[in-house]
């Protein structure tokens, strides 16, 4: 049975949009989340998806590789690890071990900031000889670059420790992704207008930020922030 009625509050991110939001290549993210296979002298081998997506049981969305808000935040952390040079094998072990300790969708939990170092080092050991050859300096770089308070910077949590919303530019907090609003699309935090709407209007109005601001009842600063954000996603 379709679970589409549960979209509200869950977030809805097509694969291509999710990849842009975390700064990764679409094909790479597809391999992480769908799995892949390759030829080997002993026959074909395969790699399973890193985790089961929130919409995995939805009849309408399961085959579309659509992510929910929790999936997006997990993907954000995975991308950070890989961008720091951590192999996918170690990332996979990190996800599996973290799930055992912290439950589903562990990589954006507050506890991962405190327990993540231990989990990551255990993952390196489990991943085998190739992973253990990871230079000590590289290990420390990955830990300091990913598993630290900035990992959850910009994420706002509720009383139940569940992530409620994500500010991708936490110092300014002009833009927010909130699964309860606009299906989790990036919006102007205090106005609810999608950033892609403002960016398109800015282009249509030939760069007149003040006119766009008047049309959508936002500040010109918000218009410029939306345009810069969308340009960054498209880069």
C-alpha atoms as a PDB file:
ATOM      1  CA  UNK A   1       0.000   0.000   0.000  1.00  0.00           C
ATOM      2  CA  UNK A   2       1.243   3.476  -0.837  1.00  0.00           C
ATOM      3  CA  UNK A   3       2.489   5.597   2.040  1.00  0.00           C
ATOM      4  CA  UNK A   4       2.411   8.853   0.084  1.00  0.00           C
ATOM      5  CA  UNK A   5       0.139  10.378   2.702  1.00  0.00           C
ATOM      6  CA  UNK A   6       3.177  10.368   4.997  1.00  0.00           C
ATOM      7  CA  UNK A   7       5.197  12.731   2.802  1.00  0.00           C
ATOM      8  CA  UNK A   8       4.388  15.756   4.939  1.00  0.00           C
ATOM      9  CA  UNK A   9       6.978  16.065   7.663  1.00  0.00           C
ATOM     10  CA  UNK A  10       9.319  13.533   6.056  1.00  0.00           C
ATOM     11  CA  UNK A  11      10.925  15.621   3.336  1.00  0.00           C
ATOM     12  CA  UNK A  12      11.164  14.750  -0.338  1.00  0.00           C
ATOM     13  CA  UNK A  13      14.464  14.925  -2.214  1.00  0.00           C
ATOM     14  CA  UNK A  14      15.017  13.429  -5.665  1.00  0.00           C
ATOM     15  CA  UNK A  15      18.456  11.878  -5.967  1.00  0.00           C
ATOM     16  CA  UNK A  16      19.850  14.669  -8.135  1.00  0.00           C
ATOM     17  CA  UNK A  17      18.724  17.366  -5.682  1.00  0.00           C
ATOM     18  CA  UNK A  18      20.077  15.466  -2.678  1.00  0.00           C
ATOM     19  CA  UNK A  19      23.446  15.037  -4.374  1.00  0.00           C
ATOM     20  CA  UNK A  20      23.688  18.766  -5.065  1.00  0.00           C
ATOM     21  CA  UNK A  21      22.731  19.639  -1.501  1.00  0.00           C
ATOM     22  CA  UNK A  22      25.646  17.604  -0.102  1.00  0.00           C
ATOM     23  CA  UNK A  23      28.097  18.538  -2.857  1.00  0.00           C
ATOM     24  CA  UNK A  24      28.503  15.128  -4.471  1.00  0.00           C
ATOM     25  CA  UNK A  25      28.255  13.651  -7.954  1.00  0.00           C
ATOM     26  CA  UNK A  26      24.863  12.112  -8.757  1.00  0.00           C
ATOM     27  CA  UNK A  27      26.343   8.864 -10.084  1.00  0.00           C
ATOM     28  CA  UNK A  28      28.424   8.431  -6.952  1.00  0.00           C
ATOM     29  CA  UNK A  29      25.444   8.974  -4.665  1.00  0.00           C
ATOM     30  CA  UNK A  30      23.397   6.522  -6.736  1.00  0.00           C
ATOM     31  CA  UNK A  31      26.050   3.842  -6.166  1.00  0.00           C
ATOM     32  CA  UNK A  32      26.048   4.535  -2.433  1.00  0.00           C
ATOM     33  CA  UNK A  33      22.288   4.330  -2.085  1.00  0.00           C
ATOM     34  CA  UNK A  34      21.312   1.772  -4.718  1.00  0.00           C
ATOM     35  CA  UNK A  35      24.354  -0.489  -4.611  1.00  0.00           C
ATOM     36  CA  UNK A  36      26.309  -1.724  -7.602  1.00  0.00           C
ATOM     37  CA  UNK A  37      28.063  -4.779  -9.044  1.00  0.00           C
ATOM     38  CA  UNK A  38      31.286  -5.375 -10.926  1.00  0.00           C
ATOM     39  CA  UNK A  39      33.137  -8.128 -12.745  1.00  0.00           C
ATOM     40  CA  UNK A  40      35.680 -10.182 -10.832  1.00  0.00           C
ATOM     41  CA  UNK A  41      37.832 -13.168 -11.859  1.00  0.00           C
ATOM     42  CA  UNK A  42      35.689 -15.294  -9.541  1.00  0.00           C
ATOM     43  CA  UNK A  43      32.454 -13.949 -11.023  1.00  0.00           C
ATOM     44  CA  UNK A  44      30.337 -10.838 -10.446  1.00  0.00           C
ATOM     45  CA  UNK A  45      30.507  -9.183  -7.069  1.00  0.00           C
ATOM     46  CA  UNK A  46      28.139  -6.659  -5.600  1.00  0.00           C
ATOM     47  CA  UNK A  47      28.021  -3.895  -3.037  1.00  0.00           C
ATOM     48  CA  UNK A  48      24.798  -3.342  -1.113  1.00  0.00           C
ATOM     49  CA  UNK A  49      23.243   0.088  -0.457  1.00  0.00           C
ATOM     50  CA  UNK A  50      24.700   1.838   2.581  1.00  0.00           C
ATOM     51  CA  UNK A  51      21.274   1.883   4.236  1.00  0.00           C
ATOM     52  CA  UNK A  52      17.586   1.467   3.458  1.00  0.00           C
ATOM     53  CA  UNK A  53      15.954   4.758   2.493  1.00  0.00           C
ATOM     54  CA  UNK A  54      12.979   6.222   4.329  1.00  0.00           C
ATOM     55  CA  UNK A  55      10.715   5.629   1.326  1.00  0.00           C
ATOM     56  CA  UNK A  56      11.879   2.052   0.733  1.00  0.00           C
ATOM     57  CA  UNK A  57       8.416   0.695   1.577  1.00  0.00           C
ATOM     58  CA  UNK A  58       6.471   3.294  -0.400  1.00  0.00           C
ATOM     59  CA  UNK A  59       4.905   1.753  -3.511  1.00  0.00           C
ATOM     60  CA  UNK A  60       5.114   5.000  -5.462  1.00  0.00           C
ATOM     61  CA  UNK A  61       8.618   6.148  -4.515  1.00  0.00           C
ATOM     62  CA  UNK A  62      10.658   3.030  -3.699  1.00  0.00           C
ATOM     63  CA  UNK A  63      12.046   2.669  -7.219  1.00  0.00           C
ATOM     64  CA  UNK A  64      12.696   6.377  -7.728  1.00  0.00           C
ATOM     65  CA  UNK A  65      15.575   6.742  -5.250  1.00  0.00           C
ATOM     66  CA  UNK A  66      13.848   9.552  -3.410  1.00  0.00           C
ATOM     67  CA  UNK A  67      15.366  10.543  -0.077  1.00  0.00           C
ATOM     68  CA  UNK A  68      13.701  11.713   3.098  1.00  0.00           C
ATOM     69  CA  UNK A  69      15.108  14.352   5.440  1.00  0.00           C
ATOM     70  CA  UNK A  70      16.883  11.797   7.637  1.00  0.00           C
ATOM     71  CA  UNK A  71      18.419  10.202   4.549  1.00  0.00           C
ATOM     72  CA  UNK A  72      19.686  13.602   3.434  1.00  0.00           C
ATOM     73  CA  UNK A  73      21.445  14.273   6.738  1.00  0.00           C
ATOM     74  CA  UNK A  74      23.023  10.798   6.717  1.00  0.00           C
ATOM     75  CA  UNK A  75      24.192  11.391   3.157  1.00  0.00           C
ATOM     76  CA  UNK A  76      25.695  14.699   4.244  1.00  0.00           C
ATOM     77  CA  UNK A  77      27.948  12.922   6.753  1.00  0.00           C
ATOM     78  CA  UNK A  78      28.900  10.137   4.325  1.00  0.00           C
ATOM     79  CA  UNK A  79      29.889  12.762   1.761  1.00  0.00           C
ATOM     80  CA  UNK A  80      32.077  14.508   4.330  1.00  0.00           C
ATOM     81  CA  UNK A  81      33.909  11.278   5.119  1.00  0.00           C
ATOM     82  CA  UNK A  82      34.545  10.505   1.458  1.00  0.00           C
ATOM     83  CA  UNK A  83      35.643  14.071   0.762  1.00  0.00           C
ATOM     84  CA  UNK A  84      38.217  13.591   3.550  1.00  0.00           C
ATOM     85  CA  UNK A  85      39.644  10.553   1.746  1.00  0.00           C
ATOM     86  CA  UNK A  86      37.952   7.784   3.752  1.00  0.00           C
ATOM     87  CA  UNK A  87      37.269   4.674   1.673  1.00  0.00           C
ATOM     88  CA  UNK A  88      33.716   3.516   1.099  1.00  0.00           C
ATOM     89  CA  UNK A  89      34.550   0.272   2.886  1.00  0.00           C
ATOM     90  CA  UNK A  90      35.378   2.157   6.064  1.00  0.00           C
ATOM     91  CA  UNK A  91      32.325   4.378   5.630  1.00  0.00           C
ATOM     92  CA  UNK A  92      30.126   1.286   5.303  1.00  0.00           C
ATOM     93  CA  UNK A  93      31.552  -0.233   8.473  1.00  0.00           C
ATOM     94  CA  UNK A  94      31.107   3.086  10.254  1.00  0.00           C
ATOM     95  CA  UNK A  95      27.429   3.179   9.268  1.00  0.00           C
ATOM     96  CA  UNK A  96      26.876  -0.438  10.346  1.00  0.00           C
ATOM     97  CA  UNK A  97      28.625  -0.092  13.703  1.00  0.00           C
ATOM     98  CA  UNK A  98      27.016   3.270  14.437  1.00  0.00           C
ATOM     99  CA  UNK A  99      23.600   1.756  13.743  1.00  0.00           C
ATOM    100  CA  UNK A 100      24.311  -1.004  16.285  1.00  0.00           C
ATOM    101  CA  UNK A 101      25.263   1.526  18.954  1.00  0.00           C
ATOM    102  CA  UNK A 102      22.970   4.432  18.155  1.00  0.00           C
ATOM    103  CA  UNK A 103      20.020   3.061  16.173  1.00  0.00           C
ATOM    104  CA  UNK A 104      18.755   3.989  12.706  1.00  0.00           C
ATOM    105  CA  UNK A 105      20.128   7.079  10.984  1.00  0.00           C
ATOM    106  CA  UNK A 106      22.983   7.447  13.474  1.00  0.00           C
ATOM    107  CA  UNK A 107      25.405   9.685  11.589  1.00  0.00           C
ATOM    108  CA  UNK A 108      23.620  12.953  12.300  1.00  0.00           C
ATOM    109  CA  UNK A 109      22.760  12.134  15.909  1.00  0.00           C
ATOM    110  CA  UNK A 110      24.227  14.174  18.736  1.00  0.00           C
ATOM    111  CA  UNK A 111      25.752  11.038  20.231  1.00  0.00           C
ATOM    112  CA  UNK A 112      27.786  10.397  17.087  1.00  0.00           C
ATOM    113  CA  UNK A 113      29.787  13.528  17.880  1.00  0.00           C
ATOM    114  CA  UNK A 114      30.878  12.014  21.206  1.00  0.00           C
ATOM    115  CA  UNK A 115      30.960   8.303  20.277  1.00  0.00           C
ATOM    116  CA  UNK A 116      31.937   8.671  16.630  1.00  0.00           C
ATOM    117  CA  UNK A 117      35.703   8.557  17.147  1.00  0.00           C
ATOM    118  CA  UNK A 118      35.499   5.141  18.794  1.00  0.00           C
ATOM    119  CA  UNK A 119      33.056   3.913  16.150  1.00  0.00           C
ATOM    120  CA  UNK A 120      35.227   5.161  13.289  1.00  0.00           C
ATOM    121  CA  UNK A 121      38.408   3.548  14.615  1.00  0.00           C
ATOM    122  CA  UNK A 122      36.547   0.271  15.144  1.00  0.00           C
ATOM    123  CA  UNK A 123      35.311   0.521  11.557  1.00  0.00           C
ATOM    124  CA  UNK A 124      38.878   0.963  10.296  1.00  0.00           C
ATOM    125  CA  UNK A 125      39.894  -2.246  12.069  1.00  0.00           C
ATOM    126  CA  UNK A 126      36.903  -4.198  10.789  1.00  0.00           C
ATOM    127  CA  UNK A 127      37.384  -3.033   7.226  1.00  0.00           C
ATOM    128  CA  UNK A 128      40.548  -5.089   6.834  1.00  0.00           C
ATOM    129  CA  UNK A 129      44.195  -4.676   5.973  1.00  0.00           C
ATOM    130  CA  UNK A 130      43.653  -2.085   3.246  1.00  0.00           C
ATOM    131  CA  UNK A 131      41.832   0.209   5.643  1.00  0.00           C
ATOM    132  CA  UNK A 132      44.351  -0.332   8.442  1.00  0.00           C
ATOM    133  CA  UNK A 133      47.020   1.010   6.105  1.00  0.00           C
ATOM    134  CA  UNK A 134      45.264   4.380   6.300  1.00  0.00           C
ATOM    135  CA  UNK A 135      47.921   6.731   7.600  1.00  0.00           C
ATOM    136  CA  UNK A 136      47.511   7.795  11.235  1.00  0.00           C
ATOM    137  CA  UNK A 137      47.566  11.400  10.101  1.00  0.00           C
ATOM    138  CA  UNK A 138      44.770  10.677   7.604  1.00  0.00           C
ATOM    139  CA  UNK A 139      42.721   8.966  10.303  1.00  0.00           C
ATOM    140  CA  UNK A 140      43.094  11.938  12.596  1.00  0.00           C
ATOM    141  CA  UNK A 141      42.243  14.320   9.756  1.00  0.00           C
ATOM    142  CA  UNK A 142      39.019  12.426   9.053  1.00  0.00           C
ATOM    143  CA  UNK A 143      38.097  12.410  12.731  1.00  0.00           C
ATOM    144  CA  UNK A 144      38.821  16.099  13.235  1.00  0.00           C
ATOM    145  CA  UNK A 145      37.148  17.116   9.971  1.00  0.00           C
ATOM    146  CA  UNK A 146      33.966  15.096  10.366  1.00  0.00           C
ATOM    147  CA  UNK A 147      33.435  13.825  13.905  1.00  0.00           C
ATOM    148  CA  UNK A 148      33.371  17.072  15.821  1.00  0.00           C
ATOM    149  CA  UNK A 149      30.712  19.560  16.962  1.00  0.00           C
ATOM    150  CA  UNK A 150      30.576  21.146  13.508  1.00  0.00           C
ATOM    151  CA  UNK A 151      29.088  17.866  12.254  1.00  0.00           C
ATOM    152  CA  UNK A 152      25.751  18.873  13.743  1.00  0.00           C
ATOM    153  CA  UNK A 153      26.273  22.602  13.324  1.00  0.00           C
ATOM    154  CA  UNK A 154      23.204  24.008  11.676  1.00  0.00           C
ATOM    155  CA  UNK A 155      20.984  21.083  12.702  1.00  0.00           C
ATOM    156  CA  UNK A 156      18.181  21.990  15.093  1.00  0.00           C
ATOM    157  CA  UNK A 157      16.939  19.200  17.353  1.00  0.00           C
ATOM    158  CA  UNK A 158      13.641  18.690  19.117  1.00  0.00           C
ATOM    159  CA  UNK A 159      12.998  17.556  22.677  1.00  0.00           C
ATOM    160  CA  UNK A 160      13.192  13.914  21.550  1.00  0.00           C
ATOM    161  CA  UNK A 161      16.668  14.493  20.053  1.00  0.00           C
ATOM    162  CA  UNK A 162      15.259  14.108  16.529  1.00  0.00           C
ATOM    163  CA  UNK A 163      16.585  16.486  13.890  1.00  0.00           C
ATOM    164  CA  UNK A 164      13.866  19.009  13.044  1.00  0.00           C
ATOM    165  CA  UNK A 165      15.540  21.234  10.459  1.00  0.00           C
ATOM    166  CA  UNK A 166      18.875  22.004   8.846  1.00  0.00           C
ATOM    167  CA  UNK A 167      20.398  25.415   8.215  1.00  0.00           C
ATOM    168  CA  UNK A 168      22.974  24.768   5.450  1.00  0.00           C
ATOM    169  CA  UNK A 169      24.619  28.124   6.202  1.00  0.00           C
ATOM    170  CA  UNK A 170      24.471  28.053  10.020  1.00  0.00           C
ATOM    171  CA  UNK A 171      26.219  31.349  10.652  1.00  0.00           C
ATOM    172  CA  UNK A 172      23.537  33.315   8.812  1.00  0.00           C
ATOM    173  CA  UNK A 173      20.475  31.063   9.215  1.00  0.00           C
ATOM    174  CA  UNK A 174      18.707  32.777   6.331  1.00  0.00           C
ATOM    175  CA  UNK A 175      17.986  29.478   4.564  1.00  0.00           C
ATOM    176  CA  UNK A 176      16.511  26.365   6.132  1.00  0.00           C
ATOM    177  CA  UNK A 177      15.451  22.861   5.125  1.00  0.00           C
ATOM    178  CA  UNK A 178      12.502  21.820   7.262  1.00  0.00           C
ATOM    179  CA  UNK A 179      10.662  18.596   6.346  1.00  0.00           C
ATOM    180  CA  UNK A 180       7.460  20.080   7.774  1.00  0.00           C
ATOM    181  CA  UNK A 181       7.568  23.000   5.311  1.00  0.00           C
ATOM    182  CA  UNK A 182       7.494  22.832   1.500  1.00  0.00           C
ATOM    183  CA  UNK A 183       8.421  19.112   1.652  1.00  0.00           C
ATOM    184  CA  UNK A 184      11.845  20.053   2.988  1.00  0.00           C
ATOM    185  CA  UNK A 185      12.869  22.248   0.058  1.00  0.00           C
ATOM    186  CA  UNK A 186      15.392  25.018   0.856  1.00  0.00           C
ATOM    187  CA  UNK A 187      13.372  28.084   1.831  1.00  0.00           C
ATOM    188  CA  UNK A 188      13.934  31.519   3.318  1.00  0.00           C
ATOM    189  CA  UNK A 189      13.660  30.822   7.039  1.00  0.00           C
ATOM    190  CA  UNK A 190      11.449  33.725   8.089  1.00  0.00           C
ATOM    191  CA  UNK A 191       9.265  33.833   4.967  1.00  0.00           C
ATOM    192  CA  UNK A 192       8.869  30.273   3.708  1.00  0.00           C
ATOM    193  CA  UNK A 193       9.626  31.170   0.081  1.00  0.00           C
ATOM    194  CA  UNK A 194      11.671  28.506  -1.779  1.00  0.00           C
ATOM    195  CA  UNK A 195      15.138  29.636  -2.779  1.00  0.00           C
ATOM    196  CA  UNK A 196      14.704  28.343  -6.327  1.00  0.00           C
ATOM    197  CA  UNK A 197      11.576  30.490  -6.709  1.00  0.00           C
ATOM    198  CA  UNK A 198      13.458  33.630  -5.683  1.00  0.00           C
ATOM    199  CA  UNK A 199      16.417  32.738  -7.871  1.00  0.00           C
ATOM    200  CA  UNK A 200      14.188  32.239 -10.914  1.00  0.00           C
ATOM    201  CA  UNK A 201      12.393  35.523 -10.215  1.00  0.00           C
ATOM    202  CA  UNK A 202      15.720  37.328  -9.859  1.00  0.00           C
ATOM    203  CA  UNK A 203      16.705  36.110 -13.316  1.00  0.00           C
ATOM    204  CA  UNK A 204      13.308  37.000 -14.791  1.00  0.00           C
ATOM    205  CA  UNK A 205      13.541  40.505 -13.316  1.00  0.00           C
ATOM    206  CA  UNK A 206      17.025  40.963 -14.786  1.00  0.00           C
ATOM    207  CA  UNK A 207      18.777  41.030 -11.444  1.00  0.00           C
ATOM    208  CA  UNK A 208      16.510  43.520  -9.701  1.00  0.00           C
ATOM    209  CA  UNK A 209      16.722  42.162  -6.139  1.00  0.00           C
ATOM    210  CA  UNK A 210      14.601  44.950  -4.664  1.00  0.00           C
ATOM    211  CA  UNK A 211      11.718  44.297  -7.057  1.00  0.00           C
ATOM    212  CA  UNK A 212      11.825  40.561  -6.327  1.00  0.00           C
ATOM    213  CA  UNK A 213      11.885  41.358  -2.616  1.00  0.00           C
ATOM    214  CA  UNK A 214       8.744  43.465  -2.966  1.00  0.00           C
ATOM    215  CA  UNK A 215       6.967  40.809  -5.045  1.00  0.00           C
ATOM    216  CA  UNK A 216       7.608  38.051  -2.506  1.00  0.00           C
ATOM    217  CA  UNK A 217       7.605  40.164   0.639  1.00  0.00           C
ATOM    218  CA  UNK A 218      11.135  39.277   1.655  1.00  0.00           C
ATOM    219  CA  UNK A 219      14.257  41.358   2.137  1.00  0.00           C
ATOM    220  CA  UNK A 220      16.664  42.046  -0.699  1.00  0.00           C
ATOM    221  CA  UNK A 221      19.275  40.320   1.469  1.00  0.00           C
ATOM    222  CA  UNK A 222      17.135  37.172   1.389  1.00  0.00           C
ATOM    223  CA  UNK A 223      16.859  37.395  -2.396  1.00  0.00           C
ATOM    224  CA  UNK A 224      20.612  37.673  -2.812  1.00  0.00           C
ATOM    225  CA  UNK A 225      21.169  34.814  -0.356  1.00  0.00           C
ATOM    226  CA  UNK A 226      18.740  32.621  -2.303  1.00  0.00           C
ATOM    227  CA  UNK A 227      20.443  33.414  -5.600  1.00  0.00           C
ATOM    228  CA  UNK A 228      23.902  32.671  -4.187  1.00  0.00           C
ATOM    229  CA  UNK A 229      22.644  29.420  -2.654  1.00  0.00           C
ATOM    230  CA  UNK A 230      21.093  28.212  -5.919  1.00  0.00           C
ATOM    231  CA  UNK A 231      24.204  29.174  -7.875  1.00  0.00           C
ATOM    232  CA  UNK A 232      26.295  27.140  -5.465  1.00  0.00           C
ATOM    233  CA  UNK A 233      24.031  24.113  -5.954  1.00  0.00           C
ATOM    234  CA  UNK A 234      24.268  24.443  -9.718  1.00  0.00           C
ATOM    235  CA  UNK A 235      28.062  24.785  -9.769  1.00  0.00           C
END
